[in-house]
Amino acid sequence: MSNSERVPVELCKGVNGLDKVVLREVRGSSVEVYLYGGHVTSWKNEHGEELLFVSSKAIFKPPKPIRGGIPICFPQFSNHGPLEPHGFARNRIWSIDADPPPFPTSSSSKAFIDLILKPSEEDLKIWPHSFEFRLRVTLGPGGDLMLTSRIRNTSTDGKPFSFTFAYHTYFSVSDISEVRVEGLETLDYLDNLQNKERFTEQGDAITFESEVDKIYLSTPTKIAILDHEKKRTFVIRKDGLPDAVVWNPWDKKAKAMADFGDDEYKHMLCVETAAVEKHITLKPGEEWRGRQELSAVPSSYCSGQLDPQRVLQSS
């Protein structure tokens, strides 16, 4: 590979001429981030295999959000509030932040980009709060993908504001009926298919045979998605994000979405790190930080040989 292809950070044009940033790691893994939405649309391992799902019918045309990848839901998750579903951060053009305030931990990676979103006059009409939303996207040396969000209340009127938040991550899976999620057993959840009623998860690992849209509460810092067919396990680590949303639209909803293929629900699963149940409130000058780290590891999971506890405990 030539040196020009090995640059860790490259700004270039994506679909429909939209600006995107490509992060590359020496061993071959890569990440693509669109400035439109601060939206990660691709995460590939060192073999060039795509780990995120983006619909073949995704519309890369503002103001329509991009279907798939990692949309950012801010300042509102879903319809939990008065704004448009999932808020407006995912359909605004973000800027590259050339001089971000220092991070508490700087990673050894050279492949990272800092983006920033500030409200426009129009945004302040629909959500009248001054904020700075800084997003750092990092591709780690081992191919891990880290997203760190820092949201600060920059208002001068002395007023606090509250918001809900999610990294709406779409994982690429071989077959939804062969996938299980571990780490959410026995937890309480709100079921969006039953008027946000509260239930307790029964049984072992979560498997899928119909539409699911649940917000799990007080979730552990680590969640695993085991893909039996691909012998791959996604490990999600999170910080500052107590909830986890699990979503798959299944066949009827998939057919109803114009920007989603009829059968694509079989090859995706959203497990979203989130802060939904309890709003985050920031006084002027205060900052909130929410981090998600994704890794994909080969799993020897065959007919339950893998000890799920060990996957979740080993860091």
C-alpha atoms as a PDB file:
ATOM      1  CA  MET A   1       0.000   0.000   0.000  1.00  0.00           C
ATOM      2  CA  SER A   2       1.384   3.410  -0.885  1.00  0.00           C
ATOM      3  CA  ASN A   3       2.112   6.023   1.772  1.00  0.00           C
ATOM      4  CA  SER A   4      -0.684   8.250   0.535  1.00  0.00           C
ATOM      5  CA  GLU A   5      -3.197   5.540   1.404  1.00  0.00           C
ATOM      6  CA  ARG A   6      -1.671   5.077   4.822  1.00  0.00           C
ATOM      7  CA  VAL A   7      -2.334   8.606   6.104  1.00  0.00           C
ATOM      8  CA  PRO A   8      -4.151   8.231   9.417  1.00  0.00           C
ATOM      9  CA  VAL A   9      -6.625  11.074   8.720  1.00  0.00           C
ATOM     10  CA  GLU A  10      -7.914  12.130   5.315  1.00  0.00           C
ATOM     11  CA  LEU A  11     -10.645  14.621   4.433  1.00  0.00           C
ATOM     12  CA  CYS A  12     -12.393  13.708   1.175  1.00  0.00           C
ATOM     13  CA  LYS A  13     -15.761  13.601  -0.583  1.00  0.00           C
ATOM     14  CA  GLY A  14     -18.335  10.917   0.086  1.00  0.00           C
ATOM     15  CA  VAL A  15     -21.710  10.072  -1.427  1.00  0.00           C
ATOM     16  CA  ASN A  16     -23.359  13.031  -3.229  1.00  0.00           C
ATOM     17  CA  GLY A  17     -20.224  15.125  -2.641  1.00  0.00           C
ATOM     18  CA  LEU A  18     -20.741  15.306   1.137  1.00  0.00           C
ATOM     19  CA  ASP A  19     -17.534  15.875   3.139  1.00  0.00           C
ATOM     20  CA  LYS A  20     -16.221  12.901   5.035  1.00  0.00           C
ATOM     21  CA  VAL A  21     -13.151  12.032   7.076  1.00  0.00           C
ATOM     22  CA  VAL A  22     -11.428   8.660   6.683  1.00  0.00           C
ATOM     23  CA  LEU A  23      -9.389   7.313   9.612  1.00  0.00           C
ATOM     24  CA  ARG A  24      -6.906   4.516   8.879  1.00  0.00           C
ATOM     25  CA  GLU A  25      -4.839   2.296  11.099  1.00  0.00           C
ATOM     26  CA  VAL A  26      -1.490   0.781  10.088  1.00  0.00           C
ATOM     27  CA  ARG A  27      -2.821  -2.793  10.187  1.00  0.00           C
ATOM     28  CA  GLY A  28      -5.618  -1.956   7.771  1.00  0.00           C
ATOM     29  CA  SER A  29      -8.699  -1.126   9.819  1.00  0.00           C
ATOM     30  CA  SER A  30     -10.604   2.040   8.888  1.00  0.00           C
ATOM     31  CA  VAL A  31     -13.461   4.342   9.884  1.00  0.00           C
ATOM     32  CA  GLU A  32     -15.448   6.888   7.864  1.00  0.00           C
ATOM     33  CA  VAL A  33     -17.166   9.882   9.442  1.00  0.00           C
ATOM     34  CA  TYR A  34     -19.441  12.279   7.582  1.00  0.00           C
ATOM     35  CA  LEU A  35     -19.431  15.907   8.720  1.00  0.00           C
ATOM     36  CA  TYR A  36     -23.158  15.750   7.963  1.00  0.00           C
ATOM     37  CA  GLY A  37     -24.496  14.514  11.297  1.00  0.00           C
ATOM     38  CA  GLY A  38     -21.054  13.852  12.801  1.00  0.00           C
ATOM     39  CA  HIS A  39     -22.068  10.449  11.510  1.00  0.00           C
ATOM     40  CA  VAL A  40     -19.832   7.352  11.464  1.00  0.00           C
ATOM     41  CA  THR A  41     -20.877   5.379   8.361  1.00  0.00           C
ATOM     42  CA  SER A  42     -18.176   2.725   8.137  1.00  0.00           C
ATOM     43  CA  TRP A  43     -15.961   0.726  10.499  1.00  0.00           C
ATOM     44  CA  LYS A  44     -13.846  -1.977   8.894  1.00  0.00           C
ATOM     45  CA  ASN A  45     -11.505  -4.468  10.509  1.00  0.00           C
ATOM     46  CA  GLU A  46      -7.983  -5.209   9.262  1.00  0.00           C
ATOM     47  CA  HIS A  47      -9.408  -7.718   6.736  1.00  0.00           C
ATOM     48  CA  GLY A  48     -11.564  -4.956   5.236  1.00  0.00           C
ATOM     49  CA  GLU A  49     -14.810  -6.486   6.537  1.00  0.00           C
ATOM     50  CA  GLU A  50     -17.551  -3.925   7.266  1.00  0.00           C
ATOM     51  CA  LEU A  51     -18.697  -4.106  10.892  1.00  0.00           C
ATOM     52  CA  LEU A  52     -21.489  -1.518  10.759  1.00  0.00           C
ATOM     53  CA  PHE A  53     -24.741  -1.770   8.818  1.00  0.00           C
ATOM     54  CA  VAL A  54     -25.734   1.009   6.421  1.00  0.00           C
ATOM     55  CA  SER A  55     -28.872   0.460   4.363  1.00  0.00           C
ATOM     56  CA  SER A  56     -28.402   0.040   0.616  1.00  0.00           C
ATOM     57  CA  LYS A  57     -31.287   2.524   0.367  1.00  0.00           C
ATOM     58  CA  ALA A  58     -29.782   5.112   2.722  1.00  0.00           C
ATOM     59  CA  ILE A  59     -30.353   8.644   1.448  1.00  0.00           C
ATOM     60  CA  PHE A  60     -27.211  10.765   1.687  1.00  0.00           C
ATOM     61  CA  LYS A  61     -29.100  14.011   1.114  1.00  0.00           C
ATOM     62  CA  PRO A  62     -29.649  16.609   3.840  1.00  0.00           C
ATOM     63  CA  PRO A  63     -31.957  17.062   5.677  1.00  0.00           C
ATOM     64  CA  LYS A  64     -32.715  13.314   5.611  1.00  0.00           C
ATOM     65  CA  PRO A  65     -30.660  11.479   8.265  1.00  0.00           C
ATOM     66  CA  ILE A  66     -28.390   8.670   7.047  1.00  0.00           C
ATOM     67  CA  ARG A  67     -29.945   5.232   7.690  1.00  0.00           C
ATOM     68  CA  GLY A  68     -27.342   3.111   9.459  1.00  0.00           C
ATOM     69  CA  GLY A  69     -23.867   3.513  10.895  1.00  0.00           C
ATOM     70  CA  ILE A  70     -23.858   5.508  14.140  1.00  0.00           C
ATOM     71  CA  PRO A  71     -26.394   8.362  14.148  1.00  0.00           C
ATOM     72  CA  ILE A  72     -26.137  10.670  17.160  1.00  0.00           C
ATOM     73  CA  CYS A  73     -29.418  11.288  18.958  1.00  0.00           C
ATOM     74  CA  PHE A  74     -29.281  14.719  20.633  1.00  0.00           C
ATOM     75  CA  PRO A  75     -30.826  16.642  22.331  1.00  0.00           C
ATOM     76  CA  GLN A  76     -33.644  14.112  22.331  1.00  0.00           C
ATOM     77  CA  PHE A  77     -33.797  10.351  21.983  1.00  0.00           C
ATOM     78  CA  SER A  78     -36.668   9.056  19.805  1.00  0.00           C
ATOM     79  CA  ASN A  79     -40.013  10.676  20.657  1.00  0.00           C
ATOM     80  CA  HIS A  80     -39.163  11.139  24.347  1.00  0.00           C
ATOM     81  CA  GLY A  81     -39.849  14.891  24.177  1.00  0.00           C
ATOM     82  CA  PRO A  82     -41.253  17.678  21.969  1.00  0.00           C
ATOM     83  CA  LEU A  83     -38.572  17.785  19.247  1.00  0.00           C
ATOM     84  CA  GLU A  84     -38.372  15.814  16.012  1.00  0.00           C
ATOM     85  CA  PRO A  85     -37.564  12.145  16.746  1.00  0.00           C
ATOM     86  CA  HIS A  86     -33.894  11.727  17.739  1.00  0.00           C
ATOM     87  CA  GLY A  87     -33.323  15.489  17.806  1.00  0.00           C
ATOM     88  CA  PHE A  88     -31.390  17.541  15.263  1.00  0.00           C
ATOM     89  CA  ALA A  89     -27.659  16.744  15.731  1.00  0.00           C
ATOM     90  CA  ARG A  90     -27.831  13.924  13.176  1.00  0.00           C
ATOM     91  CA  ASN A  91     -28.952  16.215  10.367  1.00  0.00           C
ATOM     92  CA  ARG A  92     -26.721  19.222  10.896  1.00  0.00           C
ATOM     93  CA  ILE A  93     -23.355  19.885   9.286  1.00  0.00           C
ATOM     94  CA  TRP A  94     -20.628  19.615  11.931  1.00  0.00           C
ATOM     95  CA  SER A  95     -17.270  21.425  11.780  1.00  0.00           C
ATOM     96  CA  ILE A  96     -13.797  20.038  12.289  1.00  0.00           C
ATOM     97  CA  ASP A  97     -12.539  21.259  15.669  1.00  0.00           C
ATOM     98  CA  ALA A  98      -8.876  22.112  15.110  1.00  0.00           C
ATOM     99  CA  ASP A  99      -8.195  23.114  18.697  1.00  0.00           C
ATOM    100  CA  PRO A 100     -10.306  21.123  21.162  1.00  0.00           C
ATOM    101  CA  PRO A 101      -9.809  21.489  24.906  1.00  0.00           C
ATOM    102  CA  PRO A 102      -7.532  18.742  26.241  1.00  0.00           C
ATOM    103  CA  PHE A 103      -8.915  15.260  26.797  1.00  0.00           C
ATOM    104  CA  PRO A 104      -8.358  13.634  30.192  1.00  0.00           C
ATOM    105  CA  THR A 105      -6.891  10.620  28.420  1.00  0.00           C
ATOM    106  CA  SER A 106      -5.210  10.934  25.065  1.00  0.00           C
ATOM    107  CA  SER A 107      -5.053   7.686  23.157  1.00  0.00           C
ATOM    108  CA  SER A 108      -1.883   6.448  21.502  1.00  0.00           C
ATOM    109  CA  SER A 109      -3.725   6.502  18.185  1.00  0.00           C
ATOM    110  CA  LYS A 110      -2.930   9.029  15.475  1.00  0.00           C
ATOM    111  CA  ALA A 111      -6.188   8.181  13.708  1.00  0.00           C
ATOM    112  CA  PHE A 112      -8.739  10.473  15.325  1.00  0.00           C
ATOM    113  CA  ILE A 113     -10.848  13.479  14.411  1.00  0.00           C
ATOM    114  CA  ASP A 114     -12.481  16.129  16.583  1.00  0.00           C
ATOM    115  CA  LEU A 115     -15.806  17.555  15.425  1.00  0.00           C
ATOM    116  CA  ILE A 116     -17.921  20.300  16.935  1.00  0.00           C
ATOM    117  CA  LEU A 117     -21.557  21.333  16.672  1.00  0.00           C
ATOM    118  CA  LYS A 118     -22.934  24.666  17.909  1.00  0.00           C
ATOM    119  CA  PRO A 119     -26.567  25.731  17.525  1.00  0.00           C
ATOM    120  CA  SER A 120     -27.585  27.910  14.584  1.00  0.00           C
ATOM    121  CA  GLU A 121     -30.176  30.698  14.906  1.00  0.00           C
ATOM    122  CA  GLU A 122     -32.749  28.215  13.567  1.00  0.00           C
ATOM    123  CA  ASP A 123     -31.740  25.584  16.154  1.00  0.00           C
ATOM    124  CA  LEU A 124     -32.129  28.118  18.969  1.00  0.00           C
ATOM    125  CA  LYS A 125     -35.722  28.709  17.828  1.00  0.00           C
ATOM    126  CA  ILE A 126     -36.650  25.042  18.216  1.00  0.00           C
ATOM    127  CA  TRP A 127     -34.414  24.340  21.253  1.00  0.00           C
ATOM    128  CA  PRO A 128     -33.457  27.657  22.927  1.00  0.00           C
ATOM    129  CA  HIS A 129     -30.223  26.582  24.638  1.00  0.00           C
ATOM    130  CA  SER A 130     -26.607  27.515  23.907  1.00  0.00           C
ATOM    131  CA  PHE A 131     -24.338  24.477  23.785  1.00  0.00           C
ATOM    132  CA  GLU A 132     -21.101  23.171  22.362  1.00  0.00           C
ATOM    133  CA  PHE A 133     -21.128  19.498  21.394  1.00  0.00           C
ATOM    134  CA  ARG A 134     -17.642  18.110  20.831  1.00  0.00           C
ATOM    135  CA  LEU A 135     -17.254  14.643  19.363  1.00  0.00           C
ATOM    136  CA  ARG A 136     -13.961  12.781  19.133  1.00  0.00           C
ATOM    137  CA  VAL A 137     -13.907   9.702  16.888  1.00  0.00           C
ATOM    138  CA  THR A 138     -10.830   7.524  17.419  1.00  0.00           C
ATOM    139  CA  LEU A 139      -9.676   4.376  15.648  1.00  0.00           C
ATOM    140  CA  GLY A 140      -7.445   2.527  18.102  1.00  0.00           C
ATOM    141  CA  PRO A 141      -4.280   0.585  17.211  1.00  0.00           C
ATOM    142  CA  GLY A 142      -6.154  -2.729  17.504  1.00  0.00           C
ATOM    143  CA  GLY A 143      -9.027  -1.522  15.321  1.00  0.00           C
ATOM    144  CA  ASP A 144     -11.319  -0.497  18.185  1.00  0.00           C
ATOM    145  CA  LEU A 145     -13.684   2.402  17.529  1.00  0.00           C
ATOM    146  CA  MET A 146     -14.139   5.004  20.249  1.00  0.00           C
ATOM    147  CA  LEU A 147     -16.646   7.848  20.314  1.00  0.00           C
ATOM    148  CA  THR A 148     -16.407  10.446  23.056  1.00  0.00           C
ATOM    149  CA  SER A 149     -19.046  13.164  23.316  1.00  0.00           C
ATOM    150  CA  ARG A 150     -18.586  16.256  25.450  1.00  0.00           C
ATOM    151  CA  ILE A 151     -21.608  18.515  25.727  1.00  0.00           C
ATOM    152  CA  ARG A 152     -21.255  21.859  27.497  1.00  0.00           C
ATOM    153  CA  ASN A 153     -23.869  24.404  28.523  1.00  0.00           C
ATOM    154  CA  THR A 154     -22.471  27.692  27.166  1.00  0.00           C
ATOM    155  CA  SER A 155     -25.502  29.836  27.988  1.00  0.00           C
ATOM    156  CA  THR A 156     -25.012  33.261  29.507  1.00  0.00           C
ATOM    157  CA  ASP A 157     -28.583  33.562  30.796  1.00  0.00           C
ATOM    158  CA  GLY A 158     -27.882  31.378  33.853  1.00  0.00           C
ATOM    159  CA  LYS A 159     -30.399  28.725  32.797  1.00  0.00           C
ATOM    160  CA  PRO A 160     -29.738  24.972  32.952  1.00  0.00           C
ATOM    161  CA  PHE A 161     -30.882  22.651  30.158  1.00  0.00           C
ATOM    162  CA  SER A 162     -31.775  18.957  30.026  1.00  0.00           C
ATOM    163  CA  PHE A 163     -31.411  16.415  27.242  1.00  0.00           C
ATOM    164  CA  THR A 164     -31.501  12.749  26.375  1.00  0.00           C
ATOM    165  CA  PHE A 165     -28.880  11.074  24.222  1.00  0.00           C
ATOM    166  CA  ALA A 166     -27.945   7.929  22.307  1.00  0.00           C
ATOM    167  CA  TYR A 167     -25.272   6.537  20.017  1.00  0.00           C
ATOM    168  CA  HIS A 168     -27.731   4.759  17.687  1.00  0.00           C
ATOM    169  CA  THR A 169     -25.244   2.098  16.532  1.00  0.00           C
ATOM    170  CA  TYR A 170     -26.303  -0.284  13.735  1.00  0.00           C
ATOM    171  CA  PHE A 171     -24.171  -3.444  13.871  1.00  0.00           C
ATOM    172  CA  SER A 172     -23.780  -5.646  10.818  1.00  0.00           C
ATOM    173  CA  VAL A 173     -24.756  -9.248  11.618  1.00  0.00           C
ATOM    174  CA  SER A 174     -24.903 -12.368   9.478  1.00  0.00           C
ATOM    175  CA  ASP A 175     -28.436 -13.398  10.465  1.00  0.00           C
ATOM    176  CA  ILE A 176     -30.533 -11.756  13.187  1.00  0.00           C
ATOM    177  CA  SER A 177     -32.008 -15.116  14.231  1.00  0.00           C
ATOM    178  CA  GLU A 178     -28.474 -16.436  14.975  1.00  0.00           C
ATOM    179  CA  VAL A 179     -27.450 -13.500  17.164  1.00  0.00           C
ATOM    180  CA  ARG A 180     -27.538 -13.170  20.938  1.00  0.00           C
ATOM    181  CA  VAL A 181     -26.923 -10.232  23.231  1.00  0.00           C
ATOM    182  CA  GLU A 182     -25.331 -10.830  26.624  1.00  0.00           C
ATOM    183  CA  GLY A 183     -25.079  -8.515  29.607  1.00  0.00           C
ATOM    184  CA  LEU A 184     -28.721  -7.361  29.750  1.00  0.00           C
ATOM    185  CA  GLU A 185     -30.246 -10.465  31.387  1.00  0.00           C
ATOM    186  CA  THR A 186     -32.569  -9.892  34.398  1.00  0.00           C
ATOM    187  CA  LEU A 187     -32.586  -6.103  33.875  1.00  0.00           C
ATOM    188  CA  ASP A 188     -35.619  -3.829  33.769  1.00  0.00           C
ATOM    189  CA  TYR A 189     -36.570  -2.303  30.435  1.00  0.00           C
ATOM    190  CA  LEU A 190     -39.122   0.076  28.957  1.00  0.00           C
ATOM    191  CA  ASP A 191     -40.903  -1.472  25.980  1.00  0.00           C
ATOM    192  CA  ASN A 192     -41.481   1.103  23.229  1.00  0.00           C
ATOM    193  CA  LEU A 193     -43.864  -1.361  21.532  1.00  0.00           C
ATOM    194  CA  GLN A 194     -46.049  -1.296  24.671  1.00  0.00           C
ATOM    195  CA  ASN A 195     -46.323   2.418  25.503  1.00  0.00           C
ATOM    196  CA  LYS A 196     -42.955   2.483  27.306  1.00  0.00           C
ATOM    197  CA  GLU A 197     -44.332   0.126  29.967  1.00  0.00           C
ATOM    198  CA  ARG A 198     -41.713  -1.283  32.346  1.00  0.00           C
ATOM    199  CA  PHE A 199     -40.882  -5.010  32.399  1.00  0.00           C
ATOM    200  CA  THR A 200     -38.068  -7.232  33.690  1.00  0.00           C
ATOM    201  CA  GLU A 201     -36.027  -9.282  31.195  1.00  0.00           C
ATOM    202  CA  GLN A 202     -36.469 -13.015  31.809  1.00  0.00           C
ATOM    203  CA  GLY A 203     -34.153 -15.860  30.971  1.00  0.00           C
ATOM    204  CA  ASP A 204     -30.648 -15.977  29.580  1.00  0.00           C
ATOM    205  CA  ALA A 205     -29.086 -14.135  26.673  1.00  0.00           C
ATOM    206  CA  ILE A 206     -31.413 -12.114  24.465  1.00  0.00           C
ATOM    207  CA  THR A 207     -32.244 -13.654  21.065  1.00  0.00           C
ATOM    208  CA  PHE A 208     -34.459 -12.365  18.251  1.00  0.00           C
ATOM    209  CA  GLU A 209     -37.516 -13.740  16.493  1.00  0.00           C
ATOM    210  CA  SER A 210     -39.698 -10.643  16.076  1.00  0.00           C
ATOM    211  CA  GLU A 211     -39.639  -6.845  16.239  1.00  0.00           C
ATOM    212  CA  VAL A 212     -37.876  -5.460  19.317  1.00  0.00           C
ATOM    213  CA  ASP A 213     -37.617  -1.889  20.653  1.00  0.00           C
ATOM    214  CA  LYS A 214     -36.558  -1.848  24.306  1.00  0.00           C
ATOM    215  CA  ILE A 215     -34.711   0.562  26.565  1.00  0.00           C
ATOM    216  CA  TYR A 216     -32.750  -1.417  29.170  1.00  0.00           C
ATOM    217  CA  LEU A 217     -32.097   0.534  32.368  1.00  0.00           C
ATOM    218  CA  SER A 218     -29.037   0.706  34.649  1.00  0.00           C
ATOM    219  CA  THR A 219     -27.030  -1.483  32.306  1.00  0.00           C
ATOM    220  CA  PRO A 220     -23.475  -2.739  32.903  1.00  0.00           C
ATOM    221  CA  THR A 221     -20.488  -0.945  31.385  1.00  0.00           C
ATOM    222  CA  LYS A 222     -19.962  -3.896  29.040  1.00  0.00           C
ATOM    223  CA  ILE A 223     -22.407  -5.609  26.639  1.00  0.00           C
ATOM    224  CA  ALA A 224     -21.594  -8.344  24.113  1.00  0.00           C
ATOM    225  CA  ILE A 225     -23.259  -9.230  20.800  1.00  0.00           C
ATOM    226  CA  LEU A 226     -22.427 -12.788  19.716  1.00  0.00           C
ATOM    227  CA  ASP A 227     -22.753 -13.530  16.004  1.00  0.00           C
ATOM    228  CA  HIS A 228     -22.837 -17.299  15.778  1.00  0.00           C
ATOM    229  CA  GLU A 229     -22.456 -17.574  11.994  1.00  0.00           C
ATOM    230  CA  LYS A 230     -19.596 -15.092  11.630  1.00  0.00           C
ATOM    231  CA  LYS A 231     -17.949 -16.424  14.820  1.00  0.00           C
ATOM    232  CA  ARG A 232     -17.554 -12.790  15.814  1.00  0.00           C
ATOM    233  CA  THR A 233     -18.372 -11.031  19.054  1.00  0.00           C
ATOM    234  CA  PHE A 234     -18.888  -7.296  19.332  1.00  0.00           C
ATOM    235  CA  VAL A 235     -17.968  -5.934  22.736  1.00  0.00           C
ATOM    236  CA  ILE A 236     -19.495  -2.579  23.679  1.00  0.00           C
ATOM    237  CA  ARG A 237     -17.947  -0.655  26.565  1.00  0.00           C
ATOM    238  CA  LYS A 238     -19.527   2.544  27.779  1.00  0.00           C
ATOM    239  CA  ASP A 239     -19.121   5.312  30.245  1.00  0.00           C
ATOM    240  CA  GLY A 240     -21.659   7.959  31.296  1.00  0.00           C
ATOM    241  CA  LEU A 241     -24.445   6.146  29.425  1.00  0.00           C
ATOM    242  CA  PRO A 242     -26.590   4.146  31.861  1.00  0.00           C
ATOM    243  CA  ASP A 243     -29.165   2.815  29.363  1.00  0.00           C
ATOM    244  CA  ALA A 244     -28.986   0.516  26.355  1.00  0.00           C
ATOM    245  CA  VAL A 245     -31.546   0.462  23.561  1.00  0.00           C
ATOM    246  CA  VAL A 246     -32.040  -2.750  21.561  1.00  0.00           C
ATOM    247  CA  TRP A 247     -33.874  -2.335  18.255  1.00  0.00           C
ATOM    248  CA  ASN A 248     -34.711  -4.341  15.163  1.00  0.00           C
ATOM    249  CA  PRO A 249     -37.679  -3.268  13.002  1.00  0.00           C
ATOM    250  CA  TRP A 250     -38.407  -6.783  11.615  1.00  0.00           C
ATOM    251  CA  ASP A 251     -40.283  -7.317   8.364  1.00  0.00           C
ATOM    252  CA  LYS A 252     -43.390  -5.109   8.582  1.00  0.00           C
ATOM    253  CA  LYS A 253     -41.608  -1.959   9.771  1.00  0.00           C
ATOM    254  CA  ALA A 254     -38.733  -2.601   7.350  1.00  0.00           C
ATOM    255  CA  LYS A 255     -41.169  -2.624   4.421  1.00  0.00           C
ATOM    256  CA  ALA A 256     -42.709   0.632   5.657  1.00  0.00           C
ATOM    257  CA  MET A 257     -39.364   2.505   5.667  1.00  0.00           C
ATOM    258  CA  ALA A 258     -38.475   4.092   2.335  1.00  0.00           C
ATOM    259  CA  ASP A 259     -34.761   4.223   3.154  1.00  0.00           C
ATOM    260  CA  PHE A 260     -34.482   0.607   4.319  1.00  0.00           C
ATOM    261  CA  GLY A 261     -34.468  -2.588   2.214  1.00  0.00           C
ATOM    262  CA  ASP A 262     -37.345  -5.015   2.853  1.00  0.00           C
ATOM    263  CA  ASP A 263     -35.058  -7.848   4.002  1.00  0.00           C
ATOM    264  CA  GLU A 264     -32.232  -5.808   5.491  1.00  0.00           C
ATOM    265  CA  TYR A 265     -33.561  -6.250   9.035  1.00  0.00           C
ATOM    266  CA  LYS A 266     -32.045  -9.756   8.907  1.00  0.00           C
ATOM    267  CA  HIS A 267     -28.534  -8.328   8.667  1.00  0.00           C
ATOM    268  CA  MET A 268     -28.590  -5.574  11.308  1.00  0.00           C
ATOM    269  CA  LEU A 269     -29.087  -5.061  15.001  1.00  0.00           C
ATOM    270  CA  CYS A 270     -29.070  -1.778  16.882  1.00  0.00           C
ATOM    271  CA  VAL A 271     -27.624  -1.885  20.383  1.00  0.00           C
ATOM    272  CA  GLU A 272     -27.424   1.742  21.424  1.00  0.00           C
ATOM    273  CA  THR A 273     -25.621   3.158  24.436  1.00  0.00           C
ATOM    274  CA  ALA A 274     -27.878   5.865  25.793  1.00  0.00           C
ATOM    275  CA  ALA A 275     -29.058   8.173  28.547  1.00  0.00           C
ATOM    276  CA  VAL A 276     -32.831   8.152  28.168  1.00  0.00           C
ATOM    277  CA  GLU A 277     -34.673   7.294  31.379  1.00  0.00           C
ATOM    278  CA  LYS A 278     -33.108  10.078  33.467  1.00  0.00           C
ATOM    279  CA  HIS A 279     -32.467  13.343  31.624  1.00  0.00           C
ATOM    280  CA  ILE A 280     -28.994  14.833  31.847  1.00  0.00           C
ATOM    281  CA  THR A 281     -29.138  18.378  33.216  1.00  0.00           C
ATOM    282  CA  LEU A 282     -26.298  20.860  32.803  1.00  0.00           C
ATOM    283  CA  LYS A 283     -25.977  24.191  34.558  1.00  0.00           C
ATOM    284  CA  PRO A 284     -24.156  26.970  32.662  1.00  0.00           C
ATOM    285  CA  GLY A 285     -20.492  26.047  32.293  1.00  0.00           C
ATOM    286  CA  GLU A 286     -21.083  22.380  33.157  1.00  0.00           C
ATOM    287  CA  GLU A 287     -20.006  19.611  30.797  1.00  0.00           C
ATOM    288  CA  TRP A 288     -21.273  16.062  30.348  1.00  0.00           C
ATOM    289  CA  ARG A 289     -19.153  13.296  28.880  1.00  0.00           C
ATOM    290  CA  GLY A 290     -20.409  10.075  27.285  1.00  0.00           C
ATOM    291  CA  ARG A 291     -18.091   7.491  25.763  1.00  0.00           C
ATOM    292  CA  GLN A 292     -18.625   4.354  23.740  1.00  0.00           C
ATOM    293  CA  GLU A 293     -15.890   1.928  22.714  1.00  0.00           C
ATOM    294  CA  LEU A 294     -16.579  -0.842  20.205  1.00  0.00           C
ATOM    295  CA  SER A 295     -14.383  -3.835  19.502  1.00  0.00           C
ATOM    296  CA  ALA A 296     -14.927  -6.899  17.340  1.00  0.00           C
ATOM    297  CA  VAL A 297     -13.233 -10.085  18.518  1.00  0.00           C
ATOM    298  CA  PRO A 298     -13.240 -13.582  17.004  1.00  0.00           C
ATOM    299  CA  SER A 299     -15.473 -15.772  19.134  1.00  0.00           C
ATOM    300  CA  SER A 300     -15.115 -19.493  19.489  1.00  0.00           C
ATOM    301  CA  TYR A 301     -18.817 -19.485  20.330  1.00  0.00           C
ATOM    302  CA  CYS A 302     -20.150 -22.819  19.088  1.00  0.00           C
ATOM    303  CA  SER A 303     -23.207 -24.319  20.754  1.00  0.00           C
ATOM    304  CA  GLY A 304     -22.559 -22.421  23.966  1.00  0.00           C
ATOM    305  CA  GLN A 305     -18.898 -23.326  24.488  1.00  0.00           C
ATOM    306  CA  LEU A 306     -18.009 -19.730  25.153  1.00  0.00           C
ATOM    307  CA  ASP A 307     -18.489 -18.729  28.759  1.00  0.00           C
ATOM    308  CA  PRO A 308     -20.418 -15.439  28.461  1.00  0.00           C
ATOM    309  CA  GLN A 309     -19.295 -14.279  31.911  1.00  0.00           C
ATOM    310  CA  ARG A 310     -15.687 -14.561  30.849  1.00  0.00           C
ATOM    311  CA  VAL A 311     -16.269 -12.480  27.700  1.00  0.00           C
ATOM    312  CA  LEU A 312     -17.868  -9.753  29.773  1.00  0.00           C
ATOM    313  CA  GLN A 313     -15.291  -9.841  32.570  1.00  0.00           C
ATOM    314  CA  SER A 314     -12.098  -9.993  30.515  1.00  0.00           C
ATOM    315  CA  SER A 315     -11.324  -6.472  29.429  1.00  0.00           C
END
